[in-house]
Amino acid sequence: MNKVTIKNLRFSKPEHEWQIRVDRSSVLGNPFHMVDESQRDKVCDKYEAYFKRMVEDTSTAFYKEIERLYAIFKKYGKLELFCWCAPKRCHAQTIKQYLEAKQPIYDLEELLGEVKDMIEERRAIEGSFLF
C-alpha cells in the first residue's frame, strides 16, 4: 500500500515533486495558532473540523490543493508532507489520514492489466496445443 509520511522542515526541505510543504506558507497550513505546547491538541482538533469543512467545498483552493496532492500520491506511490511539528502531533496528520483513506485498497487499472496478461498467457498456452 502507498504511504504518506510527515517530515520536519528543520531537518530537510522538499526537493522532489512528491515532497510538499504544508506549513502555514501553504493553503493547507493550520490557521489555528497555539500559544504554548498545552494547546497542541486543541489546535490540531480544530484543524480536523476545519479540514472536513474545507474538503466538502470543491470550489476552494484548499480542495484543489488536496486533489493535487492526491494526484502526486497516486503518480509516485508516495508523498512526503513537510511541516515544523513532526514528530509531535501536527495538522499534517489529518492530511495524511485523508489521503491514505482516499486511496483504493486495490488499484483497478493494475488489476485489469493483470487479468489481461493472464488471459493472453492462457491463450498462448492453449494455442500451442493446436495442431
N, C-alpha and C. Protein backbone atom coordinates (compact mmCIF):
# COMPACT_ATOMS: atom_id res chain seq x y z
N MET A 1 0.84 -1.18 0.00
CA MET A 1 0.00 0.00 0.00
C MET A 1 0.89 1.25 0.00
N ASN A 2 0.45 2.26 -0.70
CA ASN A 2 1.19 3.51 -0.77
C ASN A 2 1.18 4.21 0.57
N LYS A 3 2.17 5.08 0.78
CA LYS A 3 2.33 5.67 2.09
C LYS A 3 2.60 7.17 2.02
N VAL A 4 2.01 7.89 2.97
CA VAL A 4 2.27 9.31 3.16
C VAL A 4 3.10 9.42 4.44
N THR A 5 4.18 10.18 4.38
CA THR A 5 4.99 10.41 5.58
C THR A 5 5.05 11.91 5.87
N ILE A 6 5.38 12.22 7.11
CA ILE A 6 5.47 13.62 7.54
C ILE A 6 6.90 13.88 7.97
N LYS A 7 7.48 14.95 7.44
CA LYS A 7 8.87 15.32 7.72
C LYS A 7 8.91 16.69 8.39
N ASN A 8 9.99 16.93 9.12
CA ASN A 8 10.17 18.21 9.79
C ASN A 8 11.06 19.12 8.94
N LEU A 9 10.59 20.33 8.68
CA LEU A 9 11.33 21.29 7.87
C LEU A 9 12.65 21.75 8.50
N ARG A 10 12.81 21.52 9.79
CA ARG A 10 14.06 21.89 10.44
C ARG A 10 15.22 21.00 9.98
N PHE A 11 14.88 19.79 9.54
CA PHE A 11 15.92 18.81 9.20
C PHE A 11 16.08 18.55 7.71
N SER A 12 15.06 18.83 6.93
CA SER A 12 15.17 18.65 5.48
C SER A 12 14.11 19.50 4.78
N LYS A 13 14.35 19.75 3.51
CA LYS A 13 13.46 20.59 2.71
C LYS A 13 12.97 19.79 1.50
N PRO A 14 11.78 20.12 1.00
CA PRO A 14 11.28 19.43 -0.19
C PRO A 14 12.20 19.67 -1.40
N GLU A 15 12.50 18.59 -2.11
CA GLU A 15 13.34 18.67 -3.30
C GLU A 15 12.71 18.02 -4.52
N HIS A 16 11.71 17.16 -4.29
CA HIS A 16 11.09 16.40 -5.37
C HIS A 16 9.61 16.72 -5.44
N GLU A 17 9.00 16.35 -6.54
CA GLU A 17 7.58 16.64 -6.73
C GLU A 17 6.70 15.98 -5.66
N TRP A 18 7.13 14.85 -5.12
CA TRP A 18 6.32 14.14 -4.11
C TRP A 18 6.59 14.67 -2.70
N GLN A 19 7.38 15.72 -2.58
CA GLN A 19 7.67 16.33 -1.28
C GLN A 19 7.02 17.72 -1.25
N ILE A 20 6.07 17.91 -0.33
CA ILE A 20 5.21 19.10 -0.34
C ILE A 20 5.19 19.78 1.03
N ARG A 21 5.38 21.10 1.01
CA ARG A 21 5.23 21.89 2.24
C ARG A 21 3.75 22.04 2.55
N VAL A 22 3.40 21.79 3.81
CA VAL A 22 2.02 22.01 4.25
C VAL A 22 1.99 22.90 5.50
N ASP A 23 3.06 23.66 5.70
CA ASP A 23 3.11 24.58 6.84
C ASP A 23 2.24 25.80 6.54
N ARG A 24 2.33 26.82 7.34
CA ARG A 24 1.46 27.98 7.17
C ARG A 24 1.72 28.77 5.89
N SER A 25 2.81 28.47 5.19
CA SER A 25 3.05 29.12 3.89
C SER A 25 2.19 28.47 2.80
N SER A 26 1.53 27.38 3.15
CA SER A 26 0.69 26.63 2.22
C SER A 26 -0.78 26.90 2.48
N VAL A 27 -1.60 26.75 1.47
CA VAL A 27 -3.04 26.89 1.64
C VAL A 27 -3.58 25.82 2.60
N LEU A 28 -2.83 24.73 2.77
CA LEU A 28 -3.24 23.66 3.67
C LEU A 28 -2.74 23.86 5.11
N GLY A 29 -2.01 24.92 5.34
CA GLY A 29 -1.45 25.19 6.67
C GLY A 29 -2.53 25.35 7.73
N ASN A 30 -2.14 25.10 8.97
CA ASN A 30 -3.07 25.22 10.09
C ASN A 30 -3.27 26.69 10.45
N PRO A 31 -4.49 27.22 10.27
CA PRO A 31 -4.73 28.63 10.59
C PRO A 31 -4.88 28.90 12.09
N PHE A 32 -4.90 27.82 12.90
CA PHE A 32 -5.10 27.96 14.34
C PHE A 32 -3.75 27.96 15.03
N HIS A 33 -3.47 29.03 15.75
CA HIS A 33 -2.17 29.19 16.41
C HIS A 33 -2.23 28.74 17.86
N MET A 34 -1.13 28.23 18.34
CA MET A 34 -1.05 27.86 19.75
C MET A 34 -0.05 28.78 20.45
N VAL A 35 -0.37 29.12 21.68
CA VAL A 35 0.49 29.97 22.48
C VAL A 35 1.61 29.15 23.10
N ASP A 36 1.26 27.92 23.50
CA ASP A 36 2.27 27.01 24.07
C ASP A 36 1.86 25.57 23.79
N GLU A 37 2.71 24.64 24.16
CA GLU A 37 2.51 23.21 23.87
C GLU A 37 1.21 22.65 24.43
N SER A 38 0.71 23.25 25.50
CA SER A 38 -0.52 22.74 26.11
C SER A 38 -1.73 22.88 25.17
N GLN A 39 -1.59 23.69 24.13
CA GLN A 39 -2.68 23.91 23.18
C GLN A 39 -2.56 23.08 21.90
N ARG A 40 -1.54 22.26 21.79
CA ARG A 40 -1.30 21.49 20.56
C ARG A 40 -2.51 20.65 20.16
N ASP A 41 -3.03 19.87 21.10
CA ASP A 41 -4.18 19.03 20.77
C ASP A 41 -5.39 19.86 20.36
N LYS A 42 -5.60 20.96 21.03
CA LYS A 42 -6.74 21.82 20.73
C LYS A 42 -6.66 22.37 19.31
N VAL A 43 -5.51 22.87 18.89
CA VAL A 43 -5.40 23.44 17.54
C VAL A 43 -5.42 22.34 16.48
N CYS A 44 -4.92 21.17 16.80
CA CYS A 44 -4.99 20.04 15.85
C CYS A 44 -6.43 19.55 15.70
N ASP A 45 -7.17 19.51 16.82
CA ASP A 45 -8.57 19.12 16.76
C ASP A 45 -9.39 20.15 15.96
N LYS A 46 -9.09 21.43 16.16
CA LYS A 46 -9.77 22.48 15.40
C LYS A 46 -9.48 22.32 13.91
N TYR A 47 -8.23 21.99 13.59
CA TYR A 47 -7.85 21.81 12.18
C TYR A 47 -8.62 20.65 11.56
N GLU A 48 -8.82 19.56 12.31
CA GLU A 48 -9.57 18.42 11.79
C GLU A 48 -10.98 18.85 11.37
N ALA A 49 -11.65 19.61 12.22
CA ALA A 49 -13.00 20.09 11.90
C ALA A 49 -12.96 21.03 10.69
N TYR A 50 -12.00 21.93 10.69
CA TYR A 50 -11.80 22.87 9.58
C TYR A 50 -11.54 22.11 8.28
N PHE A 51 -10.67 21.10 8.34
CA PHE A 51 -10.31 20.30 7.17
C PHE A 51 -11.55 19.64 6.57
N LYS A 52 -12.37 19.04 7.43
CA LYS A 52 -13.58 18.36 6.95
C LYS A 52 -14.50 19.33 6.22
N ARG A 53 -14.63 20.54 6.74
CA ARG A 53 -15.46 21.55 6.06
C ARG A 53 -14.85 21.95 4.72
N MET A 54 -13.53 22.15 4.71
CA MET A 54 -12.86 22.66 3.51
C MET A 54 -12.87 21.65 2.36
N VAL A 55 -12.75 20.37 2.64
CA VAL A 55 -12.73 19.39 1.55
C VAL A 55 -14.13 19.12 0.99
N GLU A 56 -15.15 19.61 1.66
CA GLU A 56 -16.50 19.47 1.12
C GLU A 56 -16.79 20.47 0.02
N ASP A 57 -16.10 21.58 0.01
CA ASP A 57 -16.33 22.64 -0.99
C ASP A 57 -15.32 22.49 -2.11
N THR A 58 -15.74 21.90 -3.21
CA THR A 58 -14.84 21.60 -4.33
C THR A 58 -14.38 22.85 -5.10
N SER A 59 -14.92 24.00 -4.77
CA SER A 59 -14.53 25.22 -5.49
C SER A 59 -13.36 25.95 -4.82
N THR A 60 -12.91 25.49 -3.67
CA THR A 60 -11.88 26.21 -2.94
C THR A 60 -10.47 25.83 -3.38
N ALA A 61 -9.54 26.74 -3.17
CA ALA A 61 -8.13 26.45 -3.43
C ALA A 61 -7.65 25.33 -2.51
N PHE A 62 -8.21 25.25 -1.32
CA PHE A 62 -7.86 24.20 -0.37
C PHE A 62 -8.16 22.83 -0.99
N TYR A 63 -9.39 22.66 -1.48
CA TYR A 63 -9.79 21.39 -2.09
C TYR A 63 -8.92 21.07 -3.30
N LYS A 64 -8.66 22.05 -4.11
CA LYS A 64 -7.84 21.84 -5.31
C LYS A 64 -6.42 21.40 -4.95
N GLU A 65 -5.89 21.94 -3.86
CA GLU A 65 -4.56 21.55 -3.42
C GLU A 65 -4.56 20.11 -2.89
N ILE A 66 -5.59 19.74 -2.17
CA ILE A 66 -5.71 18.36 -1.69
C ILE A 66 -5.77 17.40 -2.89
N GLU A 67 -6.52 17.77 -3.91
CA GLU A 67 -6.63 16.92 -5.09
C GLU A 67 -5.28 16.84 -5.83
N ARG A 68 -4.54 17.95 -5.84
CA ARG A 68 -3.21 17.95 -6.45
C ARG A 68 -2.28 17.00 -5.69
N LEU A 69 -2.33 17.06 -4.38
CA LEU A 69 -1.51 16.16 -3.56
C LEU A 69 -1.90 14.70 -3.80
N TYR A 70 -3.19 14.45 -3.92
CA TYR A 70 -3.63 13.07 -4.16
C TYR A 70 -3.14 12.57 -5.52
N ALA A 71 -3.16 13.43 -6.52
CA ALA A 71 -2.67 13.05 -7.85
C ALA A 71 -1.17 12.73 -7.79
N ILE A 72 -0.42 13.52 -7.05
CA ILE A 72 1.02 13.25 -6.88
C ILE A 72 1.22 11.93 -6.15
N PHE A 73 0.42 11.72 -5.12
CA PHE A 73 0.48 10.49 -4.33
C PHE A 73 0.23 9.26 -5.22
N LYS A 74 -0.78 9.35 -6.07
CA LYS A 74 -1.09 8.23 -6.97
C LYS A 74 0.03 8.03 -8.01
N LYS A 75 0.56 9.12 -8.51
CA LYS A 75 1.59 9.04 -9.56
C LYS A 75 2.87 8.37 -9.04
N TYR A 76 3.32 8.77 -7.87
CA TYR A 76 4.60 8.28 -7.33
C TYR A 76 4.47 7.13 -6.33
N GLY A 77 3.26 6.92 -5.82
CA GLY A 77 3.08 5.88 -4.81
C GLY A 77 3.61 6.29 -3.45
N LYS A 78 3.94 7.55 -3.31
CA LYS A 78 4.42 8.07 -2.03
C LYS A 78 4.21 9.57 -2.01
N LEU A 79 4.19 10.11 -0.82
CA LEU A 79 4.06 11.55 -0.64
C LEU A 79 4.70 11.89 0.70
N GLU A 80 5.51 12.94 0.71
CA GLU A 80 6.11 13.42 1.95
C GLU A 80 5.59 14.83 2.21
N LEU A 81 4.97 15.00 3.37
CA LEU A 81 4.44 16.29 3.79
C LEU A 81 5.43 16.93 4.75
N PHE A 82 5.74 18.20 4.53
CA PHE A 82 6.72 18.91 5.35
C PHE A 82 6.04 19.99 6.17
N CYS A 83 6.28 19.93 7.48
CA CYS A 83 5.80 20.95 8.41
C CYS A 83 6.88 21.13 9.49
N TRP A 84 6.61 21.94 10.47
CA TRP A 84 7.59 22.23 11.52
C TRP A 84 7.37 21.40 12.78
N CYS A 85 6.30 20.64 12.86
CA CYS A 85 5.92 19.97 14.11
C CYS A 85 6.48 18.56 14.29
N ALA A 86 6.59 17.83 13.22
CA ALA A 86 6.95 16.40 13.32
C ALA A 86 8.19 16.21 14.19
N PRO A 87 8.18 15.23 15.04
CA PRO A 87 7.25 14.11 15.17
C PRO A 87 6.09 14.36 16.14
N LYS A 88 5.94 15.60 16.61
CA LYS A 88 4.82 15.92 17.50
C LYS A 88 3.52 15.89 16.70
N ARG A 89 2.41 15.85 17.41
CA ARG A 89 1.12 15.88 16.74
C ARG A 89 1.05 17.12 15.86
N CYS A 90 0.49 16.94 14.66
CA CYS A 90 0.53 18.00 13.67
C CYS A 90 -0.71 17.94 12.78
N HIS A 91 -1.10 19.08 12.23
CA HIS A 91 -2.23 19.11 11.31
C HIS A 91 -1.95 18.25 10.08
N ALA A 92 -0.68 18.03 9.75
CA ALA A 92 -0.31 17.21 8.59
C ALA A 92 -0.81 15.77 8.77
N GLN A 93 -1.01 15.35 10.01
CA GLN A 93 -1.54 14.00 10.25
C GLN A 93 -2.97 13.89 9.72
N THR A 94 -3.72 14.96 9.80
CA THR A 94 -5.09 14.98 9.26
C THR A 94 -5.04 14.83 7.75
N ILE A 95 -4.13 15.55 7.11
CA ILE A 95 -3.97 15.47 5.65
C ILE A 95 -3.55 14.06 5.26
N LYS A 96 -2.59 13.52 5.98
CA LYS A 96 -2.09 12.15 5.73
C LYS A 96 -3.22 11.14 5.82
N GLN A 97 -3.98 11.19 6.89
CA GLN A 97 -5.08 10.23 7.09
C GLN A 97 -6.10 10.33 5.96
N TYR A 98 -6.42 11.53 5.55
CA TYR A 98 -7.39 11.73 4.47
C TYR A 98 -6.88 11.11 3.16
N LEU A 99 -5.63 11.41 2.82
CA LEU A 99 -5.08 10.92 1.56
C LEU A 99 -4.92 9.40 1.55
N GLU A 100 -4.48 8.83 2.66
CA GLU A 100 -4.33 7.38 2.72
C GLU A 100 -5.68 6.67 2.69
N ALA A 101 -6.70 7.26 3.31
CA ALA A 101 -8.04 6.67 3.31
C ALA A 101 -8.69 6.78 1.93
N LYS A 102 -8.29 7.77 1.18
CA LYS A 102 -8.88 8.02 -0.14
C LYS A 102 -8.39 7.01 -1.17
N GLN A 103 -7.20 6.47 -0.98
CA GLN A 103 -6.66 5.53 -1.97
C GLN A 103 -7.42 4.21 -1.89
N PRO A 104 -7.72 3.62 -3.04
CA PRO A 104 -8.42 2.34 -3.03
C PRO A 104 -7.51 1.23 -2.50
N ILE A 105 -8.12 0.21 -1.94
CA ILE A 105 -7.35 -0.93 -1.46
C ILE A 105 -6.67 -1.61 -2.63
N TYR A 106 -7.38 -1.69 -3.75
CA TYR A 106 -6.82 -2.27 -4.96
C TYR A 106 -6.81 -1.22 -6.05
N ASP A 107 -5.77 -1.19 -6.84
CA ASP A 107 -5.71 -0.31 -8.00
C ASP A 107 -6.40 -1.05 -9.14
N LEU A 108 -7.60 -0.60 -9.52
CA LEU A 108 -8.39 -1.31 -10.50
C LEU A 108 -7.70 -1.41 -11.86
N GLU A 109 -7.00 -0.36 -12.27
CA GLU A 109 -6.28 -0.41 -13.53
C GLU A 109 -5.19 -1.47 -13.49
N GLU A 110 -4.49 -1.56 -12.38
CA GLU A 110 -3.44 -2.56 -12.23
C GLU A 110 -4.03 -3.97 -12.26
N LEU A 111 -5.15 -4.16 -11.56
CA LEU A 111 -5.80 -5.47 -11.55
C LEU A 111 -6.29 -5.85 -12.95
N LEU A 112 -6.85 -4.90 -13.66
CA LEU A 112 -7.33 -5.16 -15.02
C LEU A 112 -6.17 -5.57 -15.92
N GLY A 113 -5.04 -4.90 -15.79
CA GLY A 113 -3.85 -5.25 -16.56
C GLY A 113 -3.38 -6.67 -16.25
N GLU A 114 -3.41 -7.05 -14.98
CA GLU A 114 -3.01 -8.40 -14.58
C GLU A 114 -3.96 -9.45 -15.16
N VAL A 115 -5.25 -9.16 -15.16
CA VAL A 115 -6.22 -10.09 -15.72
C VAL A 115 -5.99 -10.24 -17.22
N LYS A 116 -5.77 -9.13 -17.92
CA LYS A 116 -5.50 -9.19 -19.36
C LYS A 116 -4.25 -10.02 -19.65
N ASP A 117 -3.21 -9.83 -18.84
CA ASP A 117 -1.98 -10.63 -19.00
C ASP A 117 -2.26 -12.11 -18.81
N MET A 118 -3.05 -12.45 -17.81
CA MET A 118 -3.38 -13.85 -17.56
C MET A 118 -4.16 -14.45 -18.73
N ILE A 119 -5.08 -13.69 -19.30
CA ILE A 119 -5.86 -14.15 -20.44
C ILE A 119 -4.95 -14.40 -21.64
N GLU A 120 -4.03 -13.47 -21.89
CA GLU A 120 -3.09 -13.63 -23.00
C GLU A 120 -2.19 -14.85 -22.80
N GLU A 121 -1.72 -15.05 -21.58
CA GLU A 121 -0.90 -16.23 -21.29
C GLU A 121 -1.69 -17.51 -21.53
N ARG A 122 -2.93 -17.52 -21.09
CA ARG A 122 -3.79 -18.70 -21.28
C ARG A 122 -4.01 -18.98 -22.76
N ARG A 123 -4.27 -17.91 -23.52
CA ARG A 123 -4.46 -18.07 -24.97
C ARG A 123 -3.20 -18.62 -25.63
N ALA A 124 -2.05 -18.12 -25.19
CA ALA A 124 -0.79 -18.58 -25.76
C ALA A 124 -0.57 -20.06 -25.45
N ILE A 125 -0.88 -20.47 -24.24
CA ILE A 125 -0.72 -21.88 -23.85
C ILE A 125 -1.69 -22.76 -24.64
N GLU A 126 -2.93 -22.34 -24.71
CA GLU A 126 -3.94 -23.13 -25.44
C GLU A 126 -3.60 -23.18 -26.93
N GLY A 127 -3.11 -22.08 -27.46
CA GLY A 127 -2.76 -22.02 -28.88
C GLY A 127 -1.61 -22.95 -29.21
N SER A 128 -0.72 -23.19 -28.28
CA SER A 128 0.43 -24.05 -28.55
C SER A 128 0.03 -25.52 -28.65
N PHE A 129 -1.18 -25.86 -28.17
CA PHE A 129 -1.64 -27.24 -28.25
C PHE A 129 -2.47 -27.52 -29.50
N LEU A 130 -2.71 -26.47 -30.27
CA LEU A 130 -3.47 -26.66 -31.52
C LEU A 130 -2.55 -27.16 -32.61
N PHE A 131 -2.99 -28.16 -33.37
CA PHE A 131 -2.16 -28.71 -34.45
C PHE A 131 -2.55 -28.17 -35.77
